[in-house]
Amino acid sequence: MLKLFSRYISVGVINTALHWVCFGALLHFFEATQAVANVIAFFIAVTFSFFANARWTFKSKVTSGRYIAFVTFMGIMAGLTGYIADAISAPPVVTLVTFSGFSLIAGFIYSKFIVFRDAK
């Protein structure tokens, strides 16, 4: 289980970097708004995360149902974290750190026991 979690963390680090690079590039080169840049960067990063975790972390089959389940869950977590942060006027860095930590743990549990539950 520790090896599996270590792989999940590795994918998460790359996923986070990908999200930040895409976000920055969309802002800088395409003059996108933060909202548009964040949504596009989220979908790029979560798609990478799904495929990397399916193949490398869980060694599982990629299906459209699994993809939809993974993206929906991660999107709901991101949205709820942002909503709560707005409601309590949390600084953006607190939101980012909180979401990163929570999504690491909750995303791993959800992936292991729901999305990729039949993985070997």
PDB file of N, CA and C in Angstrom:
ATOM      1  N   MET A   1       0.823  -1.194   0.000  1.00  0.00           N
ATOM      2  CA  MET A   1       0.000   0.000   0.000  1.00  0.00           C
ATOM      3  C   MET A   1       0.869   1.260   0.000  1.00  0.00           C
ATOM      4  N   LEU A   2       2.002   1.232   0.692  1.00  0.00           N
ATOM      5  CA  LEU A   2       2.899   2.384   0.748  1.00  0.00           C
ATOM      6  C   LEU A   2       3.494   2.666  -0.637  1.00  0.00           C
ATOM      7  N   LYS A   3       3.860   1.601  -1.360  1.00  0.00           N
ATOM      8  CA  LYS A   3       4.403   1.769  -2.712  1.00  0.00           C
ATOM      9  C   LYS A   3       3.350   2.398  -3.623  1.00  0.00           C
ATOM     10  N   LEU A   4       2.119   1.956  -3.488  1.00  0.00           N
ATOM     11  CA  LEU A   4       1.013   2.483  -4.275  1.00  0.00           C
ATOM     12  C   LEU A   4       0.803   3.969  -3.977  1.00  0.00           C
ATOM     13  N   PHE A   5       0.809   4.311  -2.696  1.00  0.00           N
ATOM     14  CA  PHE A   5       0.622   5.703  -2.291  1.00  0.00           C
ATOM     15  C   PHE A   5       1.798   6.562  -2.764  1.00  0.00           C
ATOM     16  N   SER A   6       2.999   6.021  -2.728  1.00  0.00           N
ATOM     17  CA  SER A   6       4.171   6.755  -3.217  1.00  0.00           C
ATOM     18  C   SER A   6       4.037   7.063  -4.707  1.00  0.00           C
ATOM     19  N   ARG A   7       3.554   6.104  -5.462  1.00  0.00           N
ATOM     20  CA  ARG A   7       3.334   6.332  -6.896  1.00  0.00           C
ATOM     21  C   ARG A   7       2.263   7.402  -7.106  1.00  0.00           C
ATOM     22  N   TYR A   8       1.204   7.321  -6.316  1.00  0.00           N
ATOM     23  CA  TYR A   8       0.127   8.298  -6.409  1.00  0.00           C
ATOM     24  C   TYR A   8       0.646   9.702  -6.107  1.00  0.00           C
ATOM     25  N   ILE A   9       1.496   9.820  -5.103  1.00  0.00           N
ATOM     26  CA  ILE A   9       2.101  11.116  -4.756  1.00  0.00           C
ATOM     27  C   ILE A   9       2.960  11.621  -5.922  1.00  0.00           C
ATOM     28  N   SER A  10       3.741  10.733  -6.527  1.00  0.00           N
ATOM     29  CA  SER A  10       4.591  11.131  -7.668  1.00  0.00           C
ATOM     30  C   SER A  10       3.751  11.696  -8.810  1.00  0.00           C
ATOM     31  N   VAL A  11       2.671  11.019  -9.124  1.00  0.00           N
ATOM     32  CA  VAL A  11       1.772  11.506 -10.166  1.00  0.00           C
ATOM     33  C   VAL A  11       1.179  12.847  -9.746  1.00  0.00           C
ATOM     34  N   GLY A  12       0.844  12.976  -8.470  1.00  0.00           N
ATOM     35  CA  GLY A  12       0.270  14.218  -7.958  1.00  0.00           C
ATOM     36  C   GLY A  12       1.213  15.406  -8.073  1.00  0.00           C
ATOM     37  N   VAL A  13       2.490  15.175  -7.851  1.00  0.00           N
ATOM     38  CA  VAL A  13       3.477  16.252  -7.986  1.00  0.00           C
ATOM     39  C   VAL A  13       3.543  16.722  -9.442  1.00  0.00           C
ATOM     40  N   ILE A  14       3.597  15.778 -10.362  1.00  0.00           N
ATOM     41  CA  ILE A  14       3.639  16.130 -11.783  1.00  0.00           C
ATOM     42  C   ILE A  14       2.329  16.802 -12.193  1.00  0.00           C
ATOM     43  N   ASN A  15       1.226  16.269 -11.722  1.00  0.00           N
ATOM     44  CA  ASN A  15      -0.092  16.822 -12.000  1.00  0.00           C
ATOM     45  C   ASN A  15      -0.191  18.271 -11.532  1.00  0.00           C
ATOM     46  N   THR A  16       0.296  18.558 -10.343  1.00  0.00           N
ATOM     47  CA  THR A  16       0.260  19.919  -9.805  1.00  0.00           C
ATOM     48  C   THR A  16       1.126  20.853 -10.639  1.00  0.00           C
ATOM     49  N   ALA A  17       2.310  20.398 -10.999  1.00  0.00           N
ATOM     50  CA  ALA A  17       3.196  21.215 -11.835  1.00  0.00           C
ATOM     51  C   ALA A  17       2.552  21.492 -13.193  1.00  0.00           C
ATOM     52  N   LEU A  18       1.951  20.484 -13.782  1.00  0.00           N
ATOM     53  CA  LEU A  18       1.276  20.638 -15.064  1.00  0.00           C
ATOM     54  C   LEU A  18       0.147  21.666 -14.964  1.00  0.00           C
ATOM     55  N   HIS A  19      -0.634  21.578 -13.897  1.00  0.00           N
ATOM     56  CA  HIS A  19      -1.733  22.522 -13.683  1.00  0.00           C
ATOM     57  C   HIS A  19      -1.200  23.950 -13.608  1.00  0.00           C
ATOM     58  N   TRP A  20      -0.166  24.162 -12.808  1.00  0.00           N
ATOM     59  CA  TRP A  20       0.389  25.497 -12.623  1.00  0.00           C
ATOM     60  C   TRP A  20       0.986  26.045 -13.919  1.00  0.00           C
ATOM     61  N   VAL A  21       1.706  25.206 -14.668  1.00  0.00           N
ATOM     62  CA  VAL A  21       2.315  25.647 -15.930  1.00  0.00           C
ATOM     63  C   VAL A  21       1.222  26.011 -16.940  1.00  0.00           C
ATOM     64  N   CYS A  22       0.223  25.172 -17.064  1.00  0.00           N
ATOM     65  CA  CYS A  22      -0.878  25.469 -17.991  1.00  0.00           C
ATOM     66  C   CYS A  22      -1.607  26.741 -17.583  1.00  0.00           C
ATOM     67  N   PHE A  23      -1.885  26.883 -16.303  1.00  0.00           N
ATOM     68  CA  PHE A  23      -2.554  28.079 -15.778  1.00  0.00           C
ATOM     69  C   PHE A  23      -1.744  29.324 -16.144  1.00  0.00           C
ATOM     70  N   GLY A  24      -0.460  29.296 -15.848  1.00  0.00           N
ATOM     71  CA  GLY A  24       0.401  30.433 -16.134  1.00  0.00           C
ATOM     72  C   GLY A  24       0.504  30.737 -17.618  1.00  0.00           C
ATOM     73  N   ALA A  25       0.641  29.707 -18.424  1.00  0.00           N
ATOM     74  CA  ALA A  25       0.749  29.898 -19.873  1.00  0.00           C
ATOM     75  C   ALA A  25      -0.532  30.494 -20.447  1.00  0.00           C
ATOM     76  N   LEU A  26      -1.663  30.006 -19.988  1.00  0.00           N
ATOM     77  CA  LEU A  26      -2.931  30.543 -20.476  1.00  0.00           C
ATOM     78  C   LEU A  26      -3.102  32.008 -20.085  1.00  0.00           C
ATOM     79  N   LEU A  27      -2.686  32.360 -18.878  1.00  0.00           N
ATOM     80  CA  LEU A  27      -2.755  33.757 -18.443  1.00  0.00           C
ATOM     81  C   LEU A  27      -1.800  34.621 -19.252  1.00  0.00           C
ATOM     82  N   HIS A  28      -0.569  34.176 -19.360  1.00  0.00           N
ATOM     83  CA  HIS A  28       0.488  34.992 -19.970  1.00  0.00           C
ATOM     84  C   HIS A  28       0.397  35.072 -21.497  1.00  0.00           C
ATOM     85  N   PHE A  29       0.279  33.933 -22.143  1.00  0.00           N
ATOM     86  CA  PHE A  29       0.339  33.904 -23.604  1.00  0.00           C
ATOM     87  C   PHE A  29      -1.015  34.120 -24.287  1.00  0.00           C
ATOM     88  N   PHE A  30      -2.084  33.717 -23.624  1.00  0.00           N
ATOM     89  CA  PHE A  30      -3.404  33.807 -24.250  1.00  0.00           C
ATOM     90  C   PHE A  30      -4.313  34.837 -23.578  1.00  0.00           C
ATOM     91  N   GLU A  31      -3.792  35.486 -22.538  1.00  0.00           N
ATOM     92  CA  GLU A  31      -4.527  36.510 -21.797  1.00  0.00           C
ATOM     93  C   GLU A  31      -5.901  36.034 -21.346  1.00  0.00           C
ATOM     94  N   ALA A  32      -5.969  34.777 -20.934  1.00  0.00           N
ATOM     95  CA  ALA A  32      -7.213  34.219 -20.409  1.00  0.00           C
ATOM     96  C   ALA A  32      -7.481  34.786 -19.015  1.00  0.00           C
ATOM     97  N   THR A  33      -8.745  34.771 -18.617  1.00  0.00           N
ATOM     98  CA  THR A  33      -9.071  35.155 -17.248  1.00  0.00           C
ATOM     99  C   THR A  33      -8.609  34.046 -16.315  1.00  0.00           C
ATOM    100  N   GLN A  34      -8.501  34.338 -15.034  1.00  0.00           N
ATOM    101  CA  GLN A  34      -8.104  33.313 -14.064  1.00  0.00           C
ATOM    102  C   GLN A  34      -9.105  32.163 -14.046  1.00  0.00           C
ATOM    103  N   ALA A  35     -10.388  32.480 -14.127  1.00  0.00           N
ATOM    104  CA  ALA A  35     -11.407  31.425 -14.086  1.00  0.00           C
ATOM    105  C   ALA A  35     -11.256  30.475 -15.278  1.00  0.00           C
ATOM    106  N   VAL A  36     -11.117  31.039 -16.469  1.00  0.00           N
ATOM    107  CA  VAL A  36     -10.972  30.215 -17.670  1.00  0.00           C
ATOM    108  C   VAL A  36      -9.663  29.432 -17.621  1.00  0.00           C
ATOM    109  N   ALA A  37      -8.585  30.103 -17.262  1.00  0.00           N
ATOM    110  CA  ALA A  37      -7.283  29.436 -17.186  1.00  0.00           C
ATOM    111  C   ALA A  37      -7.308  28.295 -16.174  1.00  0.00           C
ATOM    112  N   ASN A  38      -7.952  28.506 -15.041  1.00  0.00           N
ATOM    113  CA  ASN A  38      -7.982  27.473 -14.008  1.00  0.00           C
ATOM    114  C   ASN A  38      -8.815  26.266 -14.436  1.00  0.00           C
ATOM    115  N   VAL A  39      -9.939  26.499 -15.085  1.00  0.00           N
ATOM    116  CA  VAL A  39     -10.781  25.381 -15.536  1.00  0.00           C
ATOM    117  C   VAL A  39     -10.042  24.559 -16.595  1.00  0.00           C
ATOM    118  N   ILE A  40      -9.458  25.235 -17.561  1.00  0.00           N
ATOM    119  CA  ILE A  40      -8.727  24.517 -18.616  1.00  0.00           C
ATOM    120  C   ILE A  40      -7.528  23.770 -18.028  1.00  0.00           C
ATOM    121  N   ALA A  41      -6.769  24.443 -17.166  1.00  0.00           N
ATOM    122  CA  ALA A  41      -5.605  23.802 -16.536  1.00  0.00           C
ATOM    123  C   ALA A  41      -6.036  22.610 -15.687  1.00  0.00           C
ATOM    124  N   PHE A  42      -7.154  22.735 -14.975  1.00  0.00           N
ATOM    125  CA  PHE A  42      -7.672  21.633 -14.168  1.00  0.00           C
ATOM    126  C   PHE A  42      -7.953  20.414 -15.054  1.00  0.00           C
ATOM    127  N   PHE A  43      -8.656  20.626 -16.166  1.00  0.00           N
ATOM    128  CA  PHE A  43      -9.006  19.493 -17.022  1.00  0.00           C
ATOM    129  C   PHE A  43      -7.785  18.848 -17.669  1.00  0.00           C
ATOM    130  N   ILE A  44      -6.803  19.635 -18.026  1.00  0.00           N
ATOM    131  CA  ILE A  44      -5.568  19.068 -18.571  1.00  0.00           C
ATOM    132  C   ILE A  44      -4.861  18.235 -17.506  1.00  0.00           C
ATOM    133  N   ALA A  45      -4.712  18.805 -16.316  1.00  0.00           N
ATOM    134  CA  ALA A  45      -3.999  18.119 -15.234  1.00  0.00           C
ATOM    135  C   ALA A  45      -4.747  16.881 -14.739  1.00  0.00           C
ATOM    136  N   VAL A  46      -6.058  16.974 -14.594  1.00  0.00           N
ATOM    137  CA  VAL A  46      -6.816  15.828 -14.079  1.00  0.00           C
ATOM    138  C   VAL A  46      -6.854  14.706 -15.114  1.00  0.00           C
ATOM    139  N   THR A  47      -6.832  15.053 -16.383  1.00  0.00           N
ATOM    140  CA  THR A  47      -6.785  14.026 -17.430  1.00  0.00           C
ATOM    141  C   THR A  47      -5.440  13.299 -17.387  1.00  0.00           C
ATOM    142  N   PHE A  48      -4.352  14.060 -17.280  1.00  0.00           N
ATOM    143  CA  PHE A  48      -3.043  13.433 -17.122  1.00  0.00           C
ATOM    144  C   PHE A  48      -3.037  12.524 -15.896  1.00  0.00           C
ATOM    145  N   SER A  49      -3.537  13.039 -14.781  1.00  0.00           N
ATOM    146  CA  SER A  49      -3.552  12.292 -13.529  1.00  0.00           C
ATOM    147  C   SER A  49      -4.317  10.977 -13.666  1.00  0.00           C
ATOM    148  N   PHE A  50      -5.467  11.028 -14.329  1.00  0.00           N
ATOM    149  CA  PHE A  50      -6.263   9.814 -14.505  1.00  0.00           C
ATOM    150  C   PHE A  50      -5.479   8.752 -15.273  1.00  0.00           C
ATOM    151  N   PHE A  51      -4.937   9.132 -16.424  1.00  0.00           N
ATOM    152  CA  PHE A  51      -4.237   8.143 -17.239  1.00  0.00           C
ATOM    153  C   PHE A  51      -2.961   7.630 -16.571  1.00  0.00           C
ATOM    154  N   ALA A  52      -2.210   8.527 -15.939  1.00  0.00           N
ATOM    155  CA  ALA A  52      -0.982   8.110 -15.254  1.00  0.00           C
ATOM    156  C   ALA A  52      -1.299   7.186 -14.083  1.00  0.00           C
ATOM    157  N   ASN A  53      -2.313   7.520 -13.323  1.00  0.00           N
ATOM    158  CA  ASN A  53      -2.672   6.660 -12.193  1.00  0.00           C
ATOM    159  C   ASN A  53      -3.265   5.331 -12.644  1.00  0.00           C
ATOM    160  N   ALA A  54      -4.068   5.360 -13.693  1.00  0.00           N
ATOM    161  CA  ALA A  54      -4.642   4.106 -14.200  1.00  0.00           C
ATOM    162  C   ALA A  54      -3.542   3.154 -14.651  1.00  0.00           C
ATOM    163  N   ARG A  55      -2.612   3.664 -15.456  1.00  0.00           N
ATOM    164  CA  ARG A  55      -1.582   2.804 -16.038  1.00  0.00           C
ATOM    165  C   ARG A  55      -0.435   2.491 -15.087  1.00  0.00           C
ATOM    166  N   TRP A  56       0.096   3.523 -14.422  1.00  0.00           N
ATOM    167  CA  TRP A  56       1.318   3.354 -13.639  1.00  0.00           C
ATOM    168  C   TRP A  56       1.043   3.025 -12.171  1.00  0.00           C
ATOM    169  N   THR A  57       0.154   3.761 -11.550  1.00  0.00           N
ATOM    170  CA  THR A  57      -0.083   3.548 -10.120  1.00  0.00           C
ATOM    171  C   THR A  57      -0.886   2.283  -9.868  1.00  0.00           C
ATOM    172  N   PHE A  58      -2.051   2.177 -10.522  1.00  0.00           N
ATOM    173  CA  PHE A  58      -2.963   1.071 -10.223  1.00  0.00           C
ATOM    174  C   PHE A  58      -2.913  -0.059 -11.244  1.00  0.00           C
ATOM    175  N   LYS A  59      -2.178   0.147 -12.350  1.00  0.00           N
ATOM    176  CA  LYS A  59      -2.063  -0.871 -13.406  1.00  0.00           C
ATOM    177  C   LYS A  59      -3.445  -1.424 -13.775  1.00  0.00           C
ATOM    178  N   SER A  60      -4.323  -0.507 -14.110  1.00  0.00           N
ATOM    179  CA  SER A  60      -5.714  -0.845 -14.356  1.00  0.00           C
ATOM    180  C   SER A  60      -6.152  -0.416 -15.753  1.00  0.00           C
ATOM    181  N   LYS A  61      -7.242  -0.963 -16.183  1.00  0.00           N
ATOM    182  CA  LYS A  61      -7.795  -0.648 -17.490  1.00  0.00           C
ATOM    183  C   LYS A  61      -8.408   0.757 -17.481  1.00  0.00           C
ATOM    184  N   VAL A  62      -8.177   1.486 -18.576  1.00  0.00           N
ATOM    185  CA  VAL A  62      -8.764   2.818 -18.756  1.00  0.00           C
ATOM    186  C   VAL A  62     -10.127   2.654 -19.417  1.00  0.00           C
ATOM    187  N   THR A  63     -11.162   3.230 -18.800  1.00  0.00           N
ATOM    188  CA  THR A  63     -12.500   3.219 -19.396  1.00  0.00           C
ATOM    189  C   THR A  63     -13.099   4.620 -19.284  1.00  0.00           C
ATOM    190  N   SER A  64     -14.066   4.892 -20.117  1.00  0.00           N
ATOM    191  CA  SER A  64     -14.716   6.207 -20.068  1.00  0.00           C
ATOM    192  C   SER A  64     -15.482   6.384 -18.760  1.00  0.00           C
ATOM    193  N   GLY A  65     -16.067   5.319 -18.241  1.00  0.00           N
ATOM    194  CA  GLY A  65     -16.786   5.403 -16.968  1.00  0.00           C
ATOM    195  C   GLY A  65     -15.858   5.761 -15.815  1.00  0.00           C
ATOM    196  N   ARG A  66     -14.700   5.145 -15.799  1.00  0.00           N
ATOM    197  CA  ARG A  66     -13.722   5.461 -14.757  1.00  0.00           C
ATOM    198  C   ARG A  66     -13.239   6.901 -14.880  1.00  0.00           C
ATOM    199  N   TYR A  67     -13.006   7.326 -16.117  1.00  0.00           N
ATOM    200  CA  TYR A  67     -12.558   8.698 -16.356  1.00  0.00           C
ATOM    201  C   TYR A  67     -13.599   9.696 -15.833  1.00  0.00           C
ATOM    202  N   ILE A  68     -14.848   9.473 -16.195  1.00  0.00           N
ATOM    203  CA  ILE A  68     -15.918  10.374 -15.751  1.00  0.00           C
ATOM    204  C   ILE A  68     -16.037  10.371 -14.232  1.00  0.00           C
ATOM    205  N   ALA A  69     -15.957   9.200 -13.615  1.00  0.00           N
ATOM    206  CA  ALA A  69     -16.047   9.112 -12.152  1.00  0.00           C
ATOM    207  C   ALA A  69     -14.895   9.863 -11.481  1.00  0.00           C
ATOM    208  N   PHE A  70     -13.691   9.712 -12.011  1.00  0.00           N
ATOM    209  CA  PHE A  70     -12.507  10.360 -11.435  1.00  0.00           C
ATOM    210  C   PHE A  70     -12.580  11.872 -11.591  1.00  0.00           C
ATOM    211  N   VAL A  71     -12.858  12.341 -12.806  1.00  0.00           N
ATOM    212  CA  VAL A  71     -12.911  13.773 -13.081  1.00  0.00           C
ATOM    213  C   VAL A  71     -14.049  14.429 -12.298  1.00  0.00           C
ATOM    214  N   THR A  72     -15.189  13.781 -12.235  1.00  0.00           N
ATOM    215  CA  THR A  72     -16.323  14.339 -11.496  1.00  0.00           C
ATOM    216  C   THR A  72     -15.995  14.484 -10.019  1.00  0.00           C
ATOM    217  N   PHE A  73     -15.435  13.450  -9.429  1.00  0.00           N
ATOM    218  CA  PHE A  73     -15.089  13.496  -8.009  1.00  0.00           C
ATOM    219  C   PHE A  73     -14.065  14.586  -7.720  1.00  0.00           C
ATOM    220  N   MET A  74     -13.003  14.628  -8.517  1.00  0.00           N
ATOM    221  CA  MET A  74     -11.965  15.638  -8.297  1.00  0.00           C
ATOM    222  C   MET A  74     -12.509  17.044  -8.541  1.00  0.00           C
ATOM    223  N   GLY A  75     -13.374  17.194  -9.527  1.00  0.00           N
ATOM    224  CA  GLY A  75     -13.980  18.492  -9.809  1.00  0.00           C
ATOM    225  C   GLY A  75     -14.888  18.959  -8.690  1.00  0.00           C
ATOM    226  N   ILE A  76     -15.666  18.040  -8.139  1.00  0.00           N
ATOM    227  CA  ILE A  76     -16.538  18.387  -7.005  1.00  0.00           C
ATOM    228  C   ILE A  76     -15.688  18.788  -5.800  1.00  0.00           C
ATOM    229  N   MET A  77     -14.616  18.049  -5.540  1.00  0.00           N
ATOM    230  CA  MET A  77     -13.732  18.420  -4.418  1.00  0.00           C
ATOM    231  C   MET A  77     -13.131  19.800  -4.626  1.00  0.00           C
ATOM    232  N   ALA A  78     -12.692  20.090  -5.845  1.00  0.00           N
ATOM    233  CA  ALA A  78     -12.098  21.392  -6.141  1.00  0.00           C
ATOM    234  C   ALA A  78     -13.133  22.499  -5.971  1.00  0.00           C
ATOM    235  N   GLY A  79     -14.318  22.269  -6.494  1.00  0.00           N
ATOM    236  CA  GLY A  79     -15.387  23.258  -6.389  1.00  0.00           C
ATOM    237  C   GLY A  79     -15.812  23.512  -4.954  1.00  0.00           C
ATOM    238  N   LEU A  80     -15.983  22.449  -4.175  1.00  0.00           N
ATOM    239  CA  LEU A  80     -16.378  22.598  -2.769  1.00  0.00           C
ATOM    240  C   LEU A  80     -15.299  23.300  -1.954  1.00  0.00           C
ATOM    241  N   THR A  81     -14.056  22.959  -2.224  1.00  0.00           N
ATOM    242  CA  THR A  81     -12.961  23.624  -1.514  1.00  0.00           C
ATOM    243  C   THR A  81     -12.976  25.118  -1.817  1.00  0.00           C
ATOM    244  N   GLY A  82     -13.139  25.468  -3.073  1.00  0.00           N
ATOM    245  CA  GLY A  82     -13.205  26.876  -3.463  1.00  0.00           C
ATOM    246  C   GLY A  82     -14.404  27.585  -2.853  1.00  0.00           C
ATOM    247  N   TYR A  83     -15.543  26.899  -2.838  1.00  0.00           N
ATOM    248  CA  TYR A  83     -16.761  27.483  -2.267  1.00  0.00           C
ATOM    249  C   TYR A  83     -16.592  27.779  -0.781  1.00  0.00           C
ATOM    250  N   ILE A  84     -16.059  26.809  -0.047  1.00  0.00           N
ATOM    251  CA  ILE A  84     -15.835  26.990   1.394  1.00  0.00           C
ATOM    252  C   ILE A  84     -14.806  28.092   1.638  1.00  0.00           C
ATOM    253  N   ALA A  85     -13.753  28.095   0.840  1.00  0.00           N
ATOM    254  CA  ALA A  85     -12.716  29.123   0.981  1.00  0.00           C
ATOM    255  C   ALA A  85     -13.300  30.518   0.757  1.00  0.00           C
ATOM    256  N   ASP A  86     -14.154  30.644  -0.263  1.00  0.00           N
ATOM    257  CA  ASP A  86     -14.807  31.932  -0.510  1.00  0.00           C
ATOM    258  C   ASP A  86     -15.717  32.317   0.657  1.00  0.00           C
ATOM    259  N   ALA A  87     -16.448  31.333   1.181  1.00  0.00           N
ATOM    260  CA  ALA A  87     -17.389  31.604   2.272  1.00  0.00           C
ATOM    261  C   ALA A  87     -16.686  32.085   3.537  1.00  0.00           C
ATOM    262  N   ILE A  88     -15.473  31.593   3.781  1.00  0.00           N
ATOM    263  CA  ILE A  88     -14.752  32.002   4.997  1.00  0.00           C
ATOM    264  C   ILE A  88     -13.653  33.017   4.692  1.00  0.00           C
ATOM    265  N   SER A  89     -13.621  33.483   3.439  1.00  0.00           N
ATOM    266  CA  SER A  89     -12.635  34.471   2.990  1.00  0.00           C
ATOM    267  C   SER A  89     -11.189  34.024   3.235  1.00  0.00           C
ATOM    268  N   ALA A  90     -10.930  32.767   2.918  1.00  0.00           N
ATOM    269  CA  ALA A  90      -9.571  32.229   3.070  1.00  0.00           C
ATOM    270  C   ALA A  90      -8.679  32.795   1.974  1.00  0.00           C
ATOM    271  N   PRO A  91      -7.422  33.067   2.281  1.00  0.00           N
ATOM    272  CA  PRO A  91      -6.488  33.518   1.242  1.00  0.00           C
ATOM    273  C   PRO A  91      -6.272  32.411   0.208  1.00  0.00           C
ATOM    274  N   PRO A  92      -6.035  32.781  -1.051  1.00  0.00           N
ATOM    275  CA  PRO A  92      -5.854  31.772  -2.106  1.00  0.00           C
ATOM    276  C   PRO A  92      -4.787  30.725  -1.793  1.00  0.00           C
ATOM    277  N   VAL A  93      -3.695  31.114  -1.165  1.00  0.00           N
ATOM    278  CA  VAL A  93      -2.641  30.143  -0.853  1.00  0.00           C
ATOM    279  C   VAL A  93      -3.146  29.092   0.139  1.00  0.00           C
ATOM    280  N   VAL A  94      -4.007  29.484   1.067  1.00  0.00           N
ATOM    281  CA  VAL A  94      -4.592  28.526   2.019  1.00  0.00           C
ATOM    282  C   VAL A  94      -5.495  27.559   1.270  1.00  0.00           C
ATOM    283  N   THR A  95      -6.262  28.085   0.329  1.00  0.00           N
ATOM    284  CA  THR A  95      -7.140  27.237  -0.481  1.00  0.00           C
ATOM    285  C   THR A  95      -6.320  26.227  -1.270  1.00  0.00           C
ATOM    286  N   LEU A  96      -5.253  26.694  -1.885  1.00  0.00           N
ATOM    287  CA  LEU A  96      -4.392  25.822  -2.690  1.00  0.00           C
ATOM    288  C   LEU A  96      -3.776  24.713  -1.850  1.00  0.00           C
ATOM    289  N   VAL A  97      -3.224  25.075  -0.717  1.00  0.00           N
ATOM    290  CA  VAL A  97      -2.573  24.090   0.153  1.00  0.00           C
ATOM    291  C   VAL A  97      -3.600  23.111   0.723  1.00  0.00           C
ATOM    292  N   THR A  98      -4.744  23.641   1.152  1.00  0.00           N
ATOM    293  CA  THR A  98      -5.794  22.787   1.708  1.00  0.00           C
ATOM    294  C   THR A  98      -6.291  21.793   0.671  1.00  0.00           C
ATOM    295  N   PHE A  99      -6.585  22.303  -0.530  1.00  0.00           N
ATOM    296  CA  PHE A  99      -7.068  21.413  -1.583  1.00  0.00           C
ATOM    297  C   PHE A  99      -6.020  20.380  -1.958  1.00  0.00           C
ATOM    298  N   SER A 100      -4.772  20.798  -2.059  1.00  0.00           N
ATOM    299  CA  SER A 100      -3.703  19.859  -2.422  1.00  0.00           C
ATOM    300  C   SER A 100      -3.604  18.715  -1.418  1.00  0.00           C
ATOM    301  N   GLY A 101      -3.633  19.045  -0.142  1.00  0.00           N
ATOM    302  CA  GLY A 101      -3.543  18.016   0.898  1.00  0.00           C
ATOM    303  C   GLY A 101      -4.767  17.124   0.939  1.00  0.00           C
ATOM    304  N   PHE A 102      -5.942  17.753   0.913  1.00  0.00           N
ATOM    305  CA  PHE A 102      -7.184  16.982   0.986  1.00  0.00           C
ATOM    306  C   PHE A 102      -7.359  16.099  -0.244  1.00  0.00           C
ATOM    307  N   SER A 103      -7.074  16.653  -1.432  1.00  0.00           N
ATOM    308  CA  SER A 103      -7.271  15.867  -2.644  1.00  0.00           C
ATOM    309  C   SER A 103      -6.272  14.724  -2.752  1.00  0.00           C
ATOM    310  N   LEU A 104      -5.105  14.895  -2.160  1.00  0.00           N
ATOM    311  CA  LEU A 104      -4.122  13.815  -2.154  1.00  0.00           C
ATOM    312  C   LEU A 104      -4.670  12.598  -1.400  1.00  0.00           C
ATOM    313  N   ILE A 105      -5.165  12.831  -0.200  1.00  0.00           N
ATOM    314  CA  ILE A 105      -5.674  11.732   0.628  1.00  0.00           C
ATOM    315  C   ILE A 105      -7.014  11.206   0.102  1.00  0.00           C
ATOM    316  N   ALA A 106      -7.972  12.111  -0.079  1.00  0.00           N
ATOM    317  CA  ALA A 106      -9.309  11.686  -0.528  1.00  0.00           C
ATOM    318  C   ALA A 106      -9.258  11.106  -1.938  1.00  0.00           C
ATOM    319  N   GLY A 107      -8.445  11.719  -2.812  1.00  0.00           N
ATOM    320  CA  GLY A 107      -8.315  11.212  -4.176  1.00  0.00           C
ATOM    321  C   GLY A 107      -7.716   9.816  -4.220  1.00  0.00           C
ATOM    322  N   PHE A 108      -6.720   9.572  -3.363  1.00  0.00           N
ATOM    323  CA  PHE A 108      -6.113   8.242  -3.316  1.00  0.00           C
ATOM    324  C   PHE A 108      -7.126   7.203  -2.835  1.00  0.00           C
ATOM    325  N   ILE A 109      -7.829   7.508  -1.762  1.00  0.00           N
ATOM    326  CA  ILE A 109      -8.823   6.568  -1.218  1.00  0.00           C
ATOM    327  C   ILE A 109      -9.920   6.297  -2.243  1.00  0.00           C
ATOM    328  N   TYR A 110     -10.430   7.351  -2.861  1.00  0.00           N
ATOM    329  CA  TYR A 110     -11.475   7.201  -3.869  1.00  0.00           C
ATOM    330  C   TYR A 110     -10.968   6.390  -5.065  1.00  0.00           C
ATOM    331  N   SER A 111      -9.761   6.687  -5.515  1.00  0.00           N
ATOM    332  CA  SER A 111      -9.188   5.962  -6.650  1.00  0.00           C
ATOM    333  C   SER A 111      -8.984   4.489  -6.332  1.00  0.00           C
ATOM    334  N   LYS A 112      -8.395   4.209  -5.179  1.00  0.00           N
ATOM    335  CA  LYS A 112      -8.076   2.826  -4.800  1.00  0.00           C
ATOM    336  C   LYS A 112      -9.328   1.977  -4.581  1.00  0.00           C
ATOM    337  N   PHE A 113     -10.306   2.544  -3.866  1.00  0.00           N
ATOM    338  CA  PHE A 113     -11.461   1.735  -3.469  1.00  0.00           C
ATOM    339  C   PHE A 113     -12.708   1.899  -4.342  1.00  0.00           C
ATOM    340  N   ILE A 114     -12.722   2.877  -5.222  1.00  0.00           N
ATOM    341  CA  ILE A 114     -13.885   3.057  -6.088  1.00  0.00           C
ATOM    342  C   ILE A 114     -13.488   2.948  -7.570  1.00  0.00           C
ATOM    343  N   VAL A 115     -12.703   3.894  -8.045  1.00  0.00           N
ATOM    344  CA  VAL A 115     -12.399   3.970  -9.485  1.00  0.00           C
ATOM    345  C   VAL A 115     -11.608   2.769  -9.983  1.00  0.00           C
ATOM    346  N   PHE A 116     -10.542   2.424  -9.262  1.00  0.00           N
ATOM    347  CA  PHE A 116      -9.663   1.327  -9.686  1.00  0.00           C
ATOM    348  C   PHE A 116      -9.717   0.151  -8.705  1.00  0.00           C
ATOM    349  N   ARG A 117     -10.864  -0.113  -8.146  1.00  0.00           N
ATOM    350  CA  ARG A 117     -11.011  -1.129  -7.102  1.00  0.00           C
ATOM    351  C   ARG A 117     -10.629  -2.529  -7.545  1.00  0.00           C
ATOM    352  N   ASP A 118     -10.699  -2.819  -8.828  1.00  0.00           N
ATOM    353  CA  ASP A 118     -10.362  -4.158  -9.313  1.00  0.00           C
ATOM    354  C   ASP A 118      -8.892  -4.280  -9.729  1.00  0.00           C
ATOM    355  N   ALA A 119      -8.119  -3.222  -9.499  1.00  0.00           N
ATOM    356  CA  ALA A 119      -6.701  -3.253  -9.884  1.00  0.00           C
ATOM    357  C   ALA A 119      -5.945  -4.282  -9.077  1.00  0.00           C
ATOM    358  N   LYS A 120      -4.927  -4.850  -9.703  1.00  0.00           N
ATOM    359  CA  LYS A 120      -4.151  -5.907  -9.025  1.00  0.00           C
ATOM    360  C   LYS A 120      -3.104  -5.330  -8.135  1.00  0.00           C
TER     361      LYS A 120
END
